Structure formats: C-alpha cells, structure tokens
Amino acid sequence: MAAPLISRLSARLLGRTSTFTLALVAGAVVFERGFDHGAELLWDNINYGKLWKHNKHKYDGDD
C-alpha cells in the first residue's frame, strides 16, 4: 500500500527540477521552524525560573 504512494510522490517531486527545489526549500523552512521551536521549549524548560520572562512579575512596579 505504501510503496505505490511513495513511488507516485517521488515521481511527482523528482520529475521537474523546479518542483524538487520548491519541495526542498519548503521542507527546509518547515524543519527550521520546528527545530527552533523545539530548541526554545527545551531551553525554557531547562532554565525555568532563571529567565526574565519567568521572574518579571516579581519586579513589576505595582506598588
């Protein structure tokens, strides 16, 4: 079931250079956004309580 689908998809993507280039650029953009978001979540999780956005409420001038 998966083999014909993969075969058709690869034939469409690799059939023309412009389509392959567009798919490559779109994939790179999506990967970059996902990787950046994941790294940001990991950084915030590791440094929870140490960053300004986590402690800003303590220093707001609401006196």
C-alpha atoms as a PDB file:
ATOM      1  CA  MET A   1       0.000   0.000   0.000  1.00  0.00           C
ATOM      2  CA  ALA A   2       2.758   2.454   0.926  1.00  0.00           C
ATOM      3  CA  ALA A   3       5.064   1.547  -1.968  1.00  0.00           C
ATOM      4  CA  PRO A   4       2.808   2.866  -4.784  1.00  0.00           C
ATOM      5  CA  LEU A   5       2.127   6.035  -2.811  1.00  0.00           C
ATOM      6  CA  ILE A   6       5.826   6.660  -2.243  1.00  0.00           C
ATOM      7  CA  SER A   7       6.553   5.865  -5.871  1.00  0.00           C
ATOM      8  CA  ARG A   8       3.957   8.355  -7.135  1.00  0.00           C
ATOM      9  CA  LEU A   9       5.080  11.029  -4.679  1.00  0.00           C
ATOM     10  CA  SER A  10       8.745  10.673  -5.620  1.00  0.00           C
ATOM     11  CA  ALA A  11       7.883  10.716  -9.316  1.00  0.00           C
ATOM     12  CA  ARG A  12       5.992  13.987  -8.857  1.00  0.00           C
ATOM     13  CA  LEU A  13       8.703  15.588  -6.723  1.00  0.00           C
ATOM     14  CA  LEU A  14      11.667  14.433  -8.764  1.00  0.00           C
ATOM     15  CA  GLY A  15      10.017  14.865 -12.149  1.00  0.00           C
ATOM     16  CA  ARG A  16      10.949  18.515 -12.543  1.00  0.00           C
ATOM     17  CA  THR A  17      13.851  20.429 -11.073  1.00  0.00           C
ATOM     18  CA  SER A  18      11.660  23.377 -10.104  1.00  0.00           C
ATOM     19  CA  THR A  19       9.256  21.151  -8.161  1.00  0.00           C
ATOM     20  CA  PHE A  20      12.138  19.413  -6.409  1.00  0.00           C
ATOM     21  CA  THR A  21      13.706  22.762  -5.498  1.00  0.00           C
ATOM     22  CA  LEU A  22      10.417  24.119  -4.171  1.00  0.00           C
ATOM     23  CA  ALA A  23       9.858  20.987  -2.076  1.00  0.00           C
ATOM     24  CA  LEU A  24      13.409  21.184  -0.749  1.00  0.00           C
ATOM     25  CA  VAL A  25      13.074  24.853   0.240  1.00  0.00           C
ATOM     26  CA  ALA A  26       9.647  24.298   1.811  1.00  0.00           C
ATOM     27  CA  GLY A  27      10.962  21.311   3.752  1.00  0.00           C
ATOM     28  CA  ALA A  28      13.964  23.306   4.971  1.00  0.00           C
ATOM     29  CA  VAL A  29      11.736  26.163   6.155  1.00  0.00           C
ATOM     30  CA  VAL A  30       9.362  23.820   7.987  1.00  0.00           C
ATOM     31  CA  PHE A  31      12.260  21.929   9.564  1.00  0.00           C
ATOM     32  CA  GLU A  32      13.951  25.153  10.665  1.00  0.00           C
ATOM     33  CA  ARG A  33      10.781  26.477  12.289  1.00  0.00           C
ATOM     34  CA  GLY A  34      10.130  23.189  14.082  1.00  0.00           C
ATOM     35  CA  PHE A  35      13.726  22.818  15.250  1.00  0.00           C
ATOM     36  CA  ASP A  36      13.802  26.412  16.509  1.00  0.00           C
ATOM     37  CA  HIS A  37      10.538  25.973  18.396  1.00  0.00           C
ATOM     38  CA  GLY A  38      11.712  22.705  19.940  1.00  0.00           C
ATOM     39  CA  ALA A  39      15.048  24.200  20.998  1.00  0.00           C
ATOM     40  CA  GLU A  40      13.274  27.193  22.536  1.00  0.00           C
ATOM     41  CA  LEU A  41      10.958  24.888  24.515  1.00  0.00           C
ATOM     42  CA  LEU A  42      13.913  22.831  25.716  1.00  0.00           C
ATOM     43  CA  TRP A  43      15.866  25.948  26.740  1.00  0.00           C
ATOM     44  CA  ASP A  44      12.883  27.373  28.639  1.00  0.00           C
ATOM     45  CA  ASN A  45      12.280  24.044  30.345  1.00  0.00           C
ATOM     46  CA  ILE A  46      15.902  23.626  31.454  1.00  0.00           C
ATOM     47  CA  ASN A  47      16.172  27.243  32.641  1.00  0.00           C
ATOM     48  CA  TYR A  48      12.723  27.584  34.179  1.00  0.00           C
ATOM     49  CA  GLY A  49      12.736  30.153  36.965  1.00  0.00           C
ATOM     50  CA  LYS A  50      16.018  31.718  35.880  1.00  0.00           C
ATOM     51  CA  LEU A  51      14.829  33.744  32.894  1.00  0.00           C
ATOM     52  CA  TRP A  52      13.369  37.237  32.897  1.00  0.00           C
ATOM     53  CA  LYS A  53      10.052  36.148  31.452  1.00  0.00           C
ATOM     54  CA  HIS A  54       9.591  33.776  34.396  1.00  0.00           C
ATOM     55  CA  ASN A  55      10.521  36.376  37.056  1.00  0.00           C
ATOM     56  CA  LYS A  56       9.144  39.574  35.560  1.00  0.00           C
ATOM     57  CA  HIS A  57       6.107  39.590  37.850  1.00  0.00           C
ATOM     58  CA  LYS A  58       8.386  39.859  40.911  1.00  0.00           C
ATOM     59  CA  TYR A  59       9.901  43.133  39.724  1.00  0.00           C
ATOM     60  CA  ASP A  60       6.931  44.940  38.203  1.00  0.00           C
ATOM     61  CA  GLY A  61       6.317  48.308  39.832  1.00  0.00           C
ATOM     62  CA  ASP A  62       2.753  47.715  41.022  1.00  0.00           C
ATOM     63  CA  ASP A  63       3.408  49.326  44.413  1.00  0.00           C
END
